[in-house]
ModelCIF file with pLDDT and N, C-alpha, C, O atoms, coordinates in Angstrom:
data_MODEL
#
_entry.id   MODEL 
#
_entity.id                         1 
_entity.type                       polymer 
_entity.pdbx_number_of_molecules   1 
#
_entity_poly.entity_id                      1 
_entity_poly.type                           'polypeptide(L)' 
_entity_poly.nstd_linkage                   no 
_entity_poly.nstd_monomer                   no 
_entity_poly.pdbx_seq_one_letter_code       
;(UNK)(UNK)(UNK)(UNK)(UNK)(UNK)(UNK)(UNK)(UNK)(UNK)(UNK)(UNK)(UNK)(UNK)(UNK)(UNK)
(UNK)(UNK)(UNK)(UNK)(UNK)(UNK)(UNK)(UNK)(UNK)(UNK)(UNK)(UNK)(UNK)(UNK)(UNK)(UNK)
(UNK)(UNK)(UNK)(UNK)(UNK)(UNK)(UNK)(UNK)(UNK)(UNK)(UNK)(UNK)(UNK)(UNK)(UNK)
;
_entity_poly.pdbx_seq_one_letter_code_can   XXXXXXXXXXXXXXXXXXXXXXXXXXXXXXXXXXXXXXXXXXXXXXX 
_entity_poly.pdbx_strand_id                 A 
#
loop_
_entity_poly_seq.entity_id 
_entity_poly_seq.num 
_entity_poly_seq.mon_id 
_entity_poly_seq.hetero 
1 1  UNK n 
1 2  UNK n 
1 3  UNK n 
1 4  UNK n 
1 5  UNK n 
1 6  UNK n 
1 7  UNK n 
1 8  UNK n 
1 9  UNK n 
1 10 UNK n 
1 11 UNK n 
1 12 UNK n 
1 13 UNK n 
1 14 UNK n 
1 15 UNK n 
1 16 UNK n 
1 17 UNK n 
1 18 UNK n 
1 19 UNK n 
1 20 UNK n 
1 21 UNK n 
1 22 UNK n 
1 23 UNK n 
1 24 UNK n 
1 25 UNK n 
1 26 UNK n 
1 27 UNK n 
1 28 UNK n 
1 29 UNK n 
1 30 UNK n 
1 31 UNK n 
1 32 UNK n 
1 33 UNK n 
1 34 UNK n 
1 35 UNK n 
1 36 UNK n 
1 37 UNK n 
1 38 UNK n 
1 39 UNK n 
1 40 UNK n 
1 41 UNK n 
1 42 UNK n 
1 43 UNK n 
1 44 UNK n 
1 45 UNK n 
1 46 UNK n 
1 47 UNK n 
#
_struct_asym.id          A 
_struct_asym.entity_id   1 
#
loop_
_ma_qa_metric.id 
_ma_qa_metric.mode 
_ma_qa_metric.name 
_ma_qa_metric.software_group_id 
_ma_qa_metric.type 
1 global pLDDT . pLDDT 
2 local  pLDDT . pLDDT 
#
_ma_qa_metric_global.metric_id      1 
_ma_qa_metric_global.metric_value   96.77 
_ma_qa_metric_global.model_id       1 
_ma_qa_metric_global.ordinal_id     1 
#
loop_
_ma_qa_metric_local.label_asym_id 
_ma_qa_metric_local.label_comp_id 
_ma_qa_metric_local.label_seq_id 
_ma_qa_metric_local.metric_id 
_ma_qa_metric_local.metric_value 
_ma_qa_metric_local.model_id 
_ma_qa_metric_local.ordinal_id 
A UNK 1  2 88.00 1 1  
A UNK 2  2 89.00 1 2  
A UNK 3  2 91.00 1 3  
A UNK 4  2 94.00 1 4  
A UNK 5  2 96.00 1 5  
A UNK 6  2 97.00 1 6  
A UNK 7  2 98.00 1 7  
A UNK 8  2 98.00 1 8  
A UNK 9  2 98.00 1 9  
A UNK 10 2 98.00 1 10 
A UNK 11 2 98.00 1 11 
A UNK 12 2 98.00 1 12 
A UNK 13 2 97.00 1 13 
A UNK 14 2 97.00 1 14 
A UNK 15 2 97.00 1 15 
A UNK 16 2 97.00 1 16 
A UNK 17 2 98.00 1 17 
A UNK 18 2 98.00 1 18 
A UNK 19 2 98.00 1 19 
A UNK 20 2 98.00 1 20 
A UNK 21 2 98.00 1 21 
A UNK 22 2 98.00 1 22 
A UNK 23 2 96.00 1 23 
A UNK 24 2 95.00 1 24 
A UNK 25 2 96.00 1 25 
A UNK 26 2 98.00 1 26 
A UNK 27 2 98.00 1 27 
A UNK 28 2 97.00 1 28 
A UNK 29 2 98.00 1 29 
A UNK 30 2 97.00 1 30 
A UNK 31 2 96.00 1 31 
A UNK 32 2 94.00 1 32 
A UNK 33 2 96.00 1 33 
A UNK 34 2 97.00 1 34 
A UNK 35 2 98.00 1 35 
A UNK 36 2 98.00 1 36 
A UNK 37 2 98.00 1 37 
A UNK 38 2 98.00 1 38 
A UNK 39 2 98.00 1 39 
A UNK 40 2 98.00 1 40 
A UNK 41 2 98.00 1 41 
A UNK 42 2 98.00 1 42 
A UNK 43 2 98.00 1 43 
A UNK 44 2 98.00 1 44 
A UNK 45 2 98.00 1 45 
A UNK 46 2 97.00 1 46 
A UNK 47 2 96.00 1 47 
#
loop_
_atom_site.group_PDB 
_atom_site.id 
_atom_site.type_symbol 
_atom_site.label_atom_id 
_atom_site.label_alt_id 
_atom_site.label_comp_id 
_atom_site.label_asym_id 
_atom_site.label_entity_id 
_atom_site.label_seq_id 
_atom_site.pdbx_PDB_ins_code 
_atom_site.Cartn_x 
_atom_site.Cartn_y 
_atom_site.Cartn_z 
_atom_site.occupancy 
_atom_site.B_iso_or_equiv 
_atom_site.pdbx_formal_charge 
_atom_site.auth_seq_id 
_atom_site.auth_comp_id 
_atom_site.auth_asym_id 
_atom_site.auth_atom_id 
_atom_site.pdbx_PDB_model_num 
ATOM 1   N N  . UNK A 1 1  ? 0.814  -1.217  0.000  1.00 88.00 ? 1  UNK A N  1 
ATOM 2   C CA . UNK A 1 1  ? 0.000  0.000   0.000  1.00 88.00 ? 1  UNK A CA 1 
ATOM 3   C C  . UNK A 1 1  ? 0.851  1.272   0.000  1.00 88.00 ? 1  UNK A C  1 
ATOM 4   O O  . UNK A 1 1  ? 0.514  2.265   0.645  1.00 88.00 ? 1  UNK A O  1 
ATOM 5   N N  . UNK A 1 2  ? 1.958  1.215   -0.738 1.00 89.00 ? 2  UNK A N  1 
ATOM 6   C CA . UNK A 1 2  ? 2.817  2.386   -0.870 1.00 89.00 ? 2  UNK A CA 1 
ATOM 7   C C  . UNK A 1 2  ? 3.773  2.614   0.282  1.00 89.00 ? 2  UNK A C  1 
ATOM 8   O O  . UNK A 1 2  ? 4.584  3.539   0.233  1.00 89.00 ? 2  UNK A O  1 
ATOM 9   N N  . UNK A 1 3  ? 3.699  1.792   1.321  1.00 91.00 ? 3  UNK A N  1 
ATOM 10  C CA . UNK A 1 3  ? 4.589  1.927   2.472  1.00 91.00 ? 3  UNK A CA 1 
ATOM 11  C C  . UNK A 1 3  ? 5.726  0.934   2.336  1.00 91.00 ? 3  UNK A C  1 
ATOM 12  O O  . UNK A 1 3  ? 5.509  -0.214  1.948  1.00 91.00 ? 3  UNK A O  1 
ATOM 13  N N  . UNK A 1 4  ? 6.956  1.375   2.659  1.00 94.00 ? 4  UNK A N  1 
ATOM 14  C CA . UNK A 1 4  ? 8.119  0.532   2.447  1.00 94.00 ? 4  UNK A CA 1 
ATOM 15  C C  . UNK A 1 4  ? 8.983  0.464   3.707  1.00 94.00 ? 4  UNK A C  1 
ATOM 16  O O  . UNK A 1 4  ? 9.064  1.416   4.484  1.00 94.00 ? 4  UNK A O  1 
ATOM 17  N N  . UNK A 1 5  ? 9.622  -0.685  3.881  1.00 96.00 ? 5  UNK A N  1 
ATOM 18  C CA . UNK A 1 5  ? 10.657 -0.873  4.895  1.00 96.00 ? 5  UNK A CA 1 
ATOM 19  C C  . UNK A 1 5  ? 11.780 -1.657  4.246  1.00 96.00 ? 5  UNK A C  1 
ATOM 20  O O  . UNK A 1 5  ? 11.528 -2.694  3.633  1.00 96.00 ? 5  UNK A O  1 
ATOM 21  N N  . UNK A 1 6  ? 13.007 -1.191  4.365  1.00 97.00 ? 6  UNK A N  1 
ATOM 22  C CA . UNK A 1 6  ? 14.130 -1.790  3.638  1.00 97.00 ? 6  UNK A CA 1 
ATOM 23  C C  . UNK A 1 6  ? 15.064 -2.518  4.603  1.00 97.00 ? 6  UNK A C  1 
ATOM 24  O O  . UNK A 1 6  ? 15.470 -1.978  5.632  1.00 97.00 ? 6  UNK A O  1 
ATOM 25  N N  . UNK A 1 7  ? 15.390 -3.745  4.245  1.00 98.00 ? 7  UNK A N  1 
ATOM 26  C CA . UNK A 1 7  ? 16.419 -4.530  4.921  1.00 98.00 ? 7  UNK A CA 1 
ATOM 27  C C  . UNK A 1 7  ? 17.526 -4.812  3.921  1.00 98.00 ? 7  UNK A C  1 
ATOM 28  O O  . UNK A 1 7  ? 17.261 -5.123  2.760  1.00 98.00 ? 7  UNK A O  1 
ATOM 29  N N  . UNK A 1 8  ? 18.766 -4.704  4.375  1.00 98.00 ? 8  UNK A N  1 
ATOM 30  C CA . UNK A 1 8  ? 19.913 -5.057  3.534  1.00 98.00 ? 8  UNK A CA 1 
ATOM 31  C C  . UNK A 1 8  ? 20.682 -6.195  4.181  1.00 98.00 ? 8  UNK A C  1 
ATOM 32  O O  . UNK A 1 8  ? 20.893 -6.210  5.394  1.00 98.00 ? 8  UNK A O  1 
ATOM 33  N N  . UNK A 1 9  ? 21.096 -7.143  3.359  1.00 98.00 ? 9  UNK A N  1 
ATOM 34  C CA . UNK A 1 9  ? 21.990 -8.201  3.774  1.00 98.00 ? 9  UNK A CA 1 
ATOM 35  C C  . UNK A 1 9  ? 23.278 -8.054  2.967  1.00 98.00 ? 9  UNK A C  1 
ATOM 36  O O  . UNK A 1 9  ? 23.267 -8.165  1.741  1.00 98.00 ? 9  UNK A O  1 
ATOM 37  N N  . UNK A 1 10 ? 24.380 -7.806  3.659  1.00 98.00 ? 10 UNK A N  1 
ATOM 38  C CA . UNK A 1 10 ? 25.663 -7.535  3.014  1.00 98.00 ? 10 UNK A CA 1 
ATOM 39  C C  . UNK A 1 10 ? 26.627 -8.686  3.272  1.00 98.00 ? 10 UNK A C  1 
ATOM 40  O O  . UNK A 1 10 ? 26.922 -9.025  4.418  1.00 98.00 ? 10 UNK A O  1 
ATOM 41  N N  . UNK A 1 11 ? 27.113 -9.283  2.177  1.00 98.00 ? 11 UNK A N  1 
ATOM 42  C CA . UNK A 1 11 ? 27.954 -10.468 2.285  1.00 98.00 ? 11 UNK A CA 1 
ATOM 43  C C  . UNK A 1 11 ? 29.362 -10.101 2.732  1.00 98.00 ? 11 UNK A C  1 
ATOM 44  O O  . UNK A 1 11 ? 30.007 -9.232  2.146  1.00 98.00 ? 11 UNK A O  1 
ATOM 45  N N  . UNK A 1 12 ? 29.827 -10.775 3.776  1.00 98.00 ? 12 UNK A N  1 
ATOM 46  C CA . UNK A 1 12 ? 31.174 -10.608 4.304  1.00 98.00 ? 12 UNK A CA 1 
ATOM 47  C C  . UNK A 1 12 ? 31.990 -11.847 3.942  1.00 98.00 ? 12 UNK A C  1 
ATOM 48  O O  . UNK A 1 12 ? 31.732 -12.935 4.458  1.00 98.00 ? 12 UNK A O  1 
ATOM 49  N N  . UNK A 1 13 ? 32.968 -11.685 3.059  1.00 97.00 ? 13 UNK A N  1 
ATOM 50  C CA . UNK A 1 13 ? 33.710 -12.839 2.573  1.00 97.00 ? 13 UNK A CA 1 
ATOM 51  C C  . UNK A 1 13 ? 34.534 -13.504 3.674  1.00 97.00 ? 13 UNK A C  1 
ATOM 52  O O  . UNK A 1 13 ? 34.713 -14.722 3.660  1.00 97.00 ? 13 UNK A O  1 
ATOM 53  N N  . UNK A 1 14 ? 35.036 -12.720 4.625  1.00 97.00 ? 14 UNK A N  1 
ATOM 54  C CA . UNK A 1 14 ? 35.887 -13.285 5.673  1.00 97.00 ? 14 UNK A CA 1 
ATOM 55  C C  . UNK A 1 14 ? 35.130 -14.297 6.528  1.00 97.00 ? 14 UNK A C  1 
ATOM 56  O O  . UNK A 1 14 ? 35.671 -15.345 6.880  1.00 97.00 ? 14 UNK A O  1 
ATOM 57  N N  . UNK A 1 15 ? 33.885 -13.985 6.859  1.00 97.00 ? 15 UNK A N  1 
ATOM 58  C CA . UNK A 1 15 ? 33.086 -14.884 7.705  1.00 97.00 ? 15 UNK A CA 1 
ATOM 59  C C  . UNK A 1 15 ? 32.160 -15.783 6.898  1.00 97.00 ? 15 UNK A C  1 
ATOM 60  O O  . UNK A 1 15 ? 31.554 -16.705 7.443  1.00 97.00 ? 15 UNK A O  1 
ATOM 61  N N  . UNK A 1 16 ? 32.048 -15.513 5.590  1.00 97.00 ? 16 UNK A N  1 
ATOM 62  C CA . UNK A 1 16 ? 31.109 -16.232 4.715  1.00 97.00 ? 16 UNK A CA 1 
ATOM 63  C C  . UNK A 1 16 ? 29.685 -16.132 5.271  1.00 97.00 ? 16 UNK A C  1 
ATOM 64  O O  . UNK A 1 16 ? 28.947 -17.117 5.315  1.00 97.00 ? 16 UNK A O  1 
ATOM 65  N N  . UNK A 1 17 ? 29.323 -14.922 5.690  1.00 98.00 ? 17 UNK A N  1 
ATOM 66  C CA . UNK A 1 17 ? 27.998 -14.684 6.272  1.00 98.00 ? 17 UNK A CA 1 
ATOM 67  C C  . UNK A 1 17 ? 27.434 -13.373 5.737  1.00 98.00 ? 17 UNK A C  1 
ATOM 68  O O  . UNK A 1 17 ? 28.172 -12.495 5.290  1.00 98.00 ? 17 UNK A O  1 
ATOM 69  N N  . UNK A 1 18 ? 26.102 -13.261 5.794  1.00 98.00 ? 18 UNK A N  1 
ATOM 70  C CA . UNK A 1 18 ? 25.425 -12.021 5.436  1.00 98.00 ? 18 UNK A CA 1 
ATOM 71  C C  . UNK A 1 18 ? 25.153 -11.210 6.697  1.00 98.00 ? 18 UNK A C  1 
ATOM 72  O O  . UNK A 1 18 ? 24.548 -11.707 7.646  1.00 98.00 ? 18 UNK A O  1 
ATOM 73  N N  . UNK A 1 19 ? 25.602 -9.964  6.699  1.00 98.00 ? 19 UNK A N  1 
ATOM 74  C CA . UNK A 1 19 ? 25.414 -9.074  7.840  1.00 98.00 ? 19 UNK A CA 1 
ATOM 75  C C  . UNK A 1 19 ? 24.133 -8.268  7.636  1.00 98.00 ? 19 UNK A C  1 
ATOM 76  O O  . UNK A 1 19 ? 23.902 -7.695  6.571  1.00 98.00 ? 19 UNK A O  1 
ATOM 77  N N  . UNK A 1 20 ? 23.316 -8.238  8.670  1.00 98.00 ? 20 UNK A N  1 
ATOM 78  C CA . UNK A 1 20 ? 21.986 -7.629  8.668  1.00 98.00 ? 20 UNK A CA 1 
ATOM 79  C C  . UNK A 1 20 ? 22.107 -6.125  8.922  1.00 98.00 ? 20 UNK A C  1 
ATOM 80  O O  . UNK A 1 20 ? 22.639 -5.700  9.947  1.00 98.00 ? 20 UNK A O  1 
ATOM 81  N N  . UNK A 1 21 ? 21.603 -5.323  7.969  1.00 98.00 ? 21 UNK A N  1 
ATOM 82  C CA . UNK A 1 21 ? 21.578 -3.868  8.125  1.00 98.00 ? 21 UNK A CA 1 
ATOM 83  C C  . UNK A 1 21 ? 20.179 -3.344  7.867  1.00 98.00 ? 21 UNK A C  1 
ATOM 84  O O  . UNK A 1 21 ? 19.477 -3.829  6.979  1.00 98.00 ? 21 UNK A O  1 
ATOM 85  N N  . UNK A 1 22 ? 19.777 -2.349  8.648  1.00 98.00 ? 22 UNK A N  1 
ATOM 86  C CA . UNK A 1 22 ? 18.492 -1.673  8.449  1.00 98.00 ? 22 UNK A CA 1 
ATOM 87  C C  . UNK A 1 22 ? 18.561 -0.320  9.140  1.00 98.00 ? 22 UNK A C  1 
ATOM 88  O O  . UNK A 1 22 ? 19.435 -0.075  9.972  1.00 98.00 ? 22 UNK A O  1 
ATOM 89  N N  . UNK A 1 23 ? 17.621 0.557   8.783  1.00 96.00 ? 23 UNK A N  1 
ATOM 90  C CA . UNK A 1 23 ? 17.589 1.901   9.357  1.00 96.00 ? 23 UNK A CA 1 
ATOM 91  C C  . UNK A 1 23 ? 18.933 2.617   9.188  1.00 96.00 ? 23 UNK A C  1 
ATOM 92  O O  . UNK A 1 23 ? 19.311 3.453   10.009 1.00 96.00 ? 23 UNK A O  1 
ATOM 93  N N  . UNK A 1 24 ? 19.643 2.275   8.113  1.00 95.00 ? 24 UNK A N  1 
ATOM 94  C CA . UNK A 1 24 ? 20.897 2.943   7.806  1.00 95.00 ? 24 UNK A CA 1 
ATOM 95  C C  . UNK A 1 24 ? 22.076 2.520   8.642  1.00 95.00 ? 24 UNK A C  1 
ATOM 96  O O  . UNK A 1 24 ? 23.091 3.216   8.671  1.00 95.00 ? 24 UNK A O  1 
ATOM 97  N N  . UNK A 1 25 ? 21.969 1.370   9.341  1.00 96.00 ? 25 UNK A N  1 
ATOM 98  C CA . UNK A 1 25 ? 23.098 0.950   10.163 1.00 96.00 ? 25 UNK A CA 1 
ATOM 99  C C  . UNK A 1 25 ? 23.151 -0.570  10.265 1.00 96.00 ? 25 UNK A C  1 
ATOM 100 O O  . UNK A 1 25 ? 22.162 -1.266  10.034 1.00 96.00 ? 25 UNK A O  1 
ATOM 101 N N  . UNK A 1 26 ? 24.325 -1.057  10.614 1.00 98.00 ? 26 UNK A N  1 
ATOM 102 C CA . UNK A 1 26 ? 24.558 -2.487  10.808 1.00 98.00 ? 26 UNK A CA 1 
ATOM 103 C C  . UNK A 1 26 ? 24.003 -2.916  12.154 1.00 98.00 ? 26 UNK A C  1 
ATOM 104 O O  . UNK A 1 26 ? 24.203 -2.235  13.160 1.00 98.00 ? 26 UNK A O  1 
ATOM 105 N N  . UNK A 1 27 ? 23.305 -4.045  12.174 1.00 98.00 ? 27 UNK A N  1 
ATOM 106 C CA . UNK A 1 27 ? 22.724 -4.532  13.412 1.00 98.00 ? 27 UNK A CA 1 
ATOM 107 C C  . UNK A 1 27 ? 23.792 -5.221  14.271 1.00 98.00 ? 27 UNK A C  1 
ATOM 108 O O  . UNK A 1 27 ? 24.690 -5.880  13.747 1.00 98.00 ? 27 UNK A O  1 
ATOM 109 N N  . UNK A 1 28 ? 23.685 -5.061  15.582 1.00 97.00 ? 28 UNK A N  1 
ATOM 110 C CA . UNK A 1 28 ? 24.583 -5.700  16.540 1.00 97.00 ? 28 UNK A CA 1 
ATOM 111 C C  . UNK A 1 28 ? 23.771 -6.544  17.514 1.00 97.00 ? 28 UNK A C  1 
ATOM 112 O O  . UNK A 1 28 ? 22.596 -6.277  17.768 1.00 97.00 ? 28 UNK A O  1 
ATOM 113 N N  . UNK A 1 29 ? 24.425 -7.563  18.051 1.00 98.00 ? 29 UNK A N  1 
ATOM 114 C CA . UNK A 1 29 ? 23.836 -8.365  19.115 1.00 98.00 ? 29 UNK A CA 1 
ATOM 115 C C  . UNK A 1 29 ? 24.575 -8.017  20.400 1.00 98.00 ? 29 UNK A C  1 
ATOM 116 O O  . UNK A 1 29 ? 25.777 -8.255  20.514 1.00 98.00 ? 29 UNK A O  1 
ATOM 117 N N  . UNK A 1 30 ? 23.854 -7.455  21.367 1.00 97.00 ? 30 UNK A N  1 
ATOM 118 C CA . UNK A 1 30 ? 24.496 -7.024  22.606 1.00 97.00 ? 30 UNK A CA 1 
ATOM 119 C C  . UNK A 1 30 ? 25.086 -8.180  23.403 1.00 97.00 ? 30 UNK A C  1 
ATOM 120 O O  . UNK A 1 30 ? 25.991 -7.971  24.212 1.00 97.00 ? 30 UNK A O  1 
ATOM 121 N N  . UNK A 1 31 ? 24.590 -9.392  23.188 1.00 96.00 ? 31 UNK A N  1 
ATOM 122 C CA . UNK A 1 31 ? 25.127 -10.524 23.943 1.00 96.00 ? 31 UNK A CA 1 
ATOM 123 C C  . UNK A 1 31 ? 26.594 -10.785 23.634 1.00 96.00 ? 31 UNK A C  1 
ATOM 124 O O  . UNK A 1 31 ? 27.389 -11.037 24.539 1.00 96.00 ? 31 UNK A O  1 
ATOM 125 N N  . UNK A 1 32 ? 26.953 -10.722 22.346 1.00 94.00 ? 32 UNK A N  1 
ATOM 126 C CA . UNK A 1 32 ? 28.338 -11.029 21.979 1.00 94.00 ? 32 UNK A CA 1 
ATOM 127 C C  . UNK A 1 32 ? 29.077 -9.847  21.368 1.00 94.00 ? 32 UNK A C  1 
ATOM 128 O O  . UNK A 1 32 ? 30.280 -9.931  21.117 1.00 94.00 ? 32 UNK A O  1 
ATOM 129 N N  . UNK A 1 33 ? 28.370 -8.742  21.126 1.00 96.00 ? 33 UNK A N  1 
ATOM 130 C CA . UNK A 1 33 ? 29.004 -7.559  20.555 1.00 96.00 ? 33 UNK A CA 1 
ATOM 131 C C  . UNK A 1 33 ? 29.284 -7.650  19.072 1.00 96.00 ? 33 UNK A C  1 
ATOM 132 O O  . UNK A 1 33 ? 29.873 -6.737  18.494 1.00 96.00 ? 33 UNK A O  1 
ATOM 133 N N  . UNK A 1 34 ? 28.869 -8.746  18.445 1.00 97.00 ? 34 UNK A N  1 
ATOM 134 C CA . UNK A 1 34 ? 29.164 -8.961  17.030 1.00 97.00 ? 34 UNK A CA 1 
ATOM 135 C C  . UNK A 1 34 ? 28.019 -8.502  16.136 1.00 97.00 ? 34 UNK A C  1 
ATOM 136 O O  . UNK A 1 34 ? 26.886 -8.365  16.597 1.00 97.00 ? 34 UNK A O  1 
ATOM 137 N N  . UNK A 1 35 ? 28.312 -8.262  14.855 1.00 98.00 ? 35 UNK A N  1 
ATOM 138 C CA . UNK A 1 35 ? 27.225 -7.978  13.918 1.00 98.00 ? 35 UNK A CA 1 
ATOM 139 C C  . UNK A 1 35 ? 26.245 -9.141  13.852 1.00 98.00 ? 35 UNK A C  1 
ATOM 140 O O  . UNK A 1 35 ? 26.647 -10.299 13.960 1.00 98.00 ? 35 UNK A O  1 
ATOM 141 N N  . UNK A 1 36 ? 24.968 -8.841  13.677 1.00 98.00 ? 36 UNK A N  1 
ATOM 142 C CA . UNK A 1 36 ? 23.971 -9.888  13.461 1.00 98.00 ? 36 UNK A CA 1 
ATOM 143 C C  . UNK A 1 36 ? 24.161 -10.401 12.037 1.00 98.00 ? 36 UNK A C  1 
ATOM 144 O O  . UNK A 1 36 ? 24.108 -9.631  11.078 1.00 98.00 ? 36 UNK A O  1 
ATOM 145 N N  . UNK A 1 37 ? 24.382 -11.713 11.909 1.00 98.00 ? 37 UNK A N  1 
ATOM 146 C CA . UNK A 1 37 ? 24.714 -12.249 10.591 1.00 98.00 ? 37 UNK A CA 1 
ATOM 147 C C  . UNK A 1 37 ? 24.183 -13.667 10.433 1.00 98.00 ? 37 UNK A C  1 
ATOM 148 O O  . UNK A 1 37 ? 23.880 -14.351 11.410 1.00 98.00 ? 37 UNK A O  1 
ATOM 149 N N  . UNK A 1 38 ? 24.078 -14.094 9.167  1.00 98.00 ? 38 UNK A N  1 
ATOM 150 C CA . UNK A 1 38 ? 23.467 -15.372 8.821  1.00 98.00 ? 38 UNK A CA 1 
ATOM 151 C C  . UNK A 1 38 ? 24.219 -16.013 7.664  1.00 98.00 ? 38 UNK A C  1 
ATOM 152 O O  . UNK A 1 38 ? 24.745 -15.314 6.798  1.00 98.00 ? 38 UNK A O  1 
ATOM 153 N N  . UNK A 1 39 ? 24.272 -17.351 7.648  1.00 98.00 ? 39 UNK A N  1 
ATOM 154 C CA . UNK A 1 39 ? 24.868 -18.064 6.523  1.00 98.00 ? 39 UNK A CA 1 
ATOM 155 C C  . UNK A 1 39 ? 23.953 -18.046 5.307  1.00 98.00 ? 39 UNK A C  1 
ATOM 156 O O  . UNK A 1 39 ? 24.414 -17.961 4.169  1.00 98.00 ? 39 UNK A O  1 
ATOM 157 N N  . UNK A 1 40 ? 22.635 -18.128 5.564  1.00 98.00 ? 40 UNK A N  1 
ATOM 158 C CA . UNK A 1 40 ? 21.655 -18.265 4.490  1.00 98.00 ? 40 UNK A CA 1 
ATOM 159 C C  . UNK A 1 40 ? 20.644 -17.130 4.550  1.00 98.00 ? 40 UNK A C  1 
ATOM 160 O O  . UNK A 1 40 ? 20.246 -16.698 5.632  1.00 98.00 ? 40 UNK A O  1 
ATOM 161 N N  . UNK A 1 41 ? 20.235 -16.653 3.387  1.00 98.00 ? 41 UNK A N  1 
ATOM 162 C CA . UNK A 1 41 ? 19.189 -15.638 3.283  1.00 98.00 ? 41 UNK A CA 1 
ATOM 163 C C  . UNK A 1 41 ? 18.107 -16.173 2.350  1.00 98.00 ? 41 UNK A C  1 
ATOM 164 O O  . UNK A 1 41 ? 18.383 -16.542 1.209  1.00 98.00 ? 41 UNK A O  1 
ATOM 165 N N  . UNK A 1 42 ? 16.873 -16.211 2.850  1.00 98.00 ? 42 UNK A N  1 
ATOM 166 C CA . UNK A 1 42 ? 15.727 -16.664 2.058  1.00 98.00 ? 42 UNK A CA 1 
ATOM 167 C C  . UNK A 1 42 ? 14.673 -15.572 2.063  1.00 98.00 ? 42 UNK A C  1 
ATOM 168 O O  . UNK A 1 42 ? 14.425 -14.949 3.095  1.00 98.00 ? 42 UNK A O  1 
ATOM 169 N N  . UNK A 1 43 ? 14.056 -15.340 0.923  1.00 98.00 ? 43 UNK A N  1 
ATOM 170 C CA . UNK A 1 43 ? 12.929 -14.411 0.815  1.00 98.00 ? 43 UNK A CA 1 
ATOM 171 C C  . UNK A 1 43 ? 11.703 -15.198 0.371  1.00 98.00 ? 43 UNK A C  1 
ATOM 172 O O  . UNK A 1 43 ? 11.732 -15.870 -0.660 1.00 98.00 ? 43 UNK A O  1 
ATOM 173 N N  . UNK A 1 44 ? 10.634 -15.116 1.143  1.00 98.00 ? 44 UNK A N  1 
ATOM 174 C CA . UNK A 1 44 ? 9.328  -15.650 0.788  1.00 98.00 ? 44 UNK A CA 1 
ATOM 175 C C  . UNK A 1 44 ? 8.453  -14.485 0.342  1.00 98.00 ? 44 UNK A C  1 
ATOM 176 O O  . UNK A 1 44 ? 8.244  -13.540 1.103  1.00 98.00 ? 44 UNK A O  1 
ATOM 177 N N  . UNK A 1 45 ? 7.943  -14.544 -0.878 1.00 98.00 ? 45 UNK A N  1 
ATOM 178 C CA . UNK A 1 45 ? 6.996  -13.542 -1.362 1.00 98.00 ? 45 UNK A CA 1 
ATOM 179 C C  . UNK A 1 45 ? 5.598  -14.133 -1.259 1.00 98.00 ? 45 UNK A C  1 
ATOM 180 O O  . UNK A 1 45 ? 5.304  -15.160 -1.872 1.00 98.00 ? 45 UNK A O  1 
ATOM 181 N N  . UNK A 1 46 ? 4.733  -13.480 -0.480 1.00 97.00 ? 46 UNK A N  1 
ATOM 182 C CA . UNK A 1 46 ? 3.407  -14.038 -0.201 1.00 97.00 ? 46 UNK A CA 1 
ATOM 183 C C  . UNK A 1 46 ? 2.341  -12.958 -0.313 1.00 97.00 ? 46 UNK A C  1 
ATOM 184 O O  . UNK A 1 46 ? 2.580  -11.817 0.082  1.00 97.00 ? 46 UNK A O  1 
ATOM 185 N N  . UNK A 1 47 ? 1.156  -13.300 -0.849 1.00 96.00 ? 47 UNK A N  1 
ATOM 186 C CA . UNK A 1 47 ? 0.053  -12.331 -0.900 1.00 96.00 ? 47 UNK A CA 1 
ATOM 187 C C  . UNK A 1 47 ? -0.245 -11.815 0.510  1.00 96.00 ? 47 UNK A C  1 
ATOM 188 O O  . UNK A 1 47 ? -1.141 -10.989 0.689  1.00 96.00 ? 47 UNK A O  1 
#
């Protein structure tokens, strides 16, 4: 309905992981102090 929210996943070759970014910044996990990252990224497009 014309409203948008953007997520970026940026591939880091050193860790072989995608780093989660949104709201113009890289996400962090306060538990370990590291960037929030994932090995796999899947997008489901659903009505």
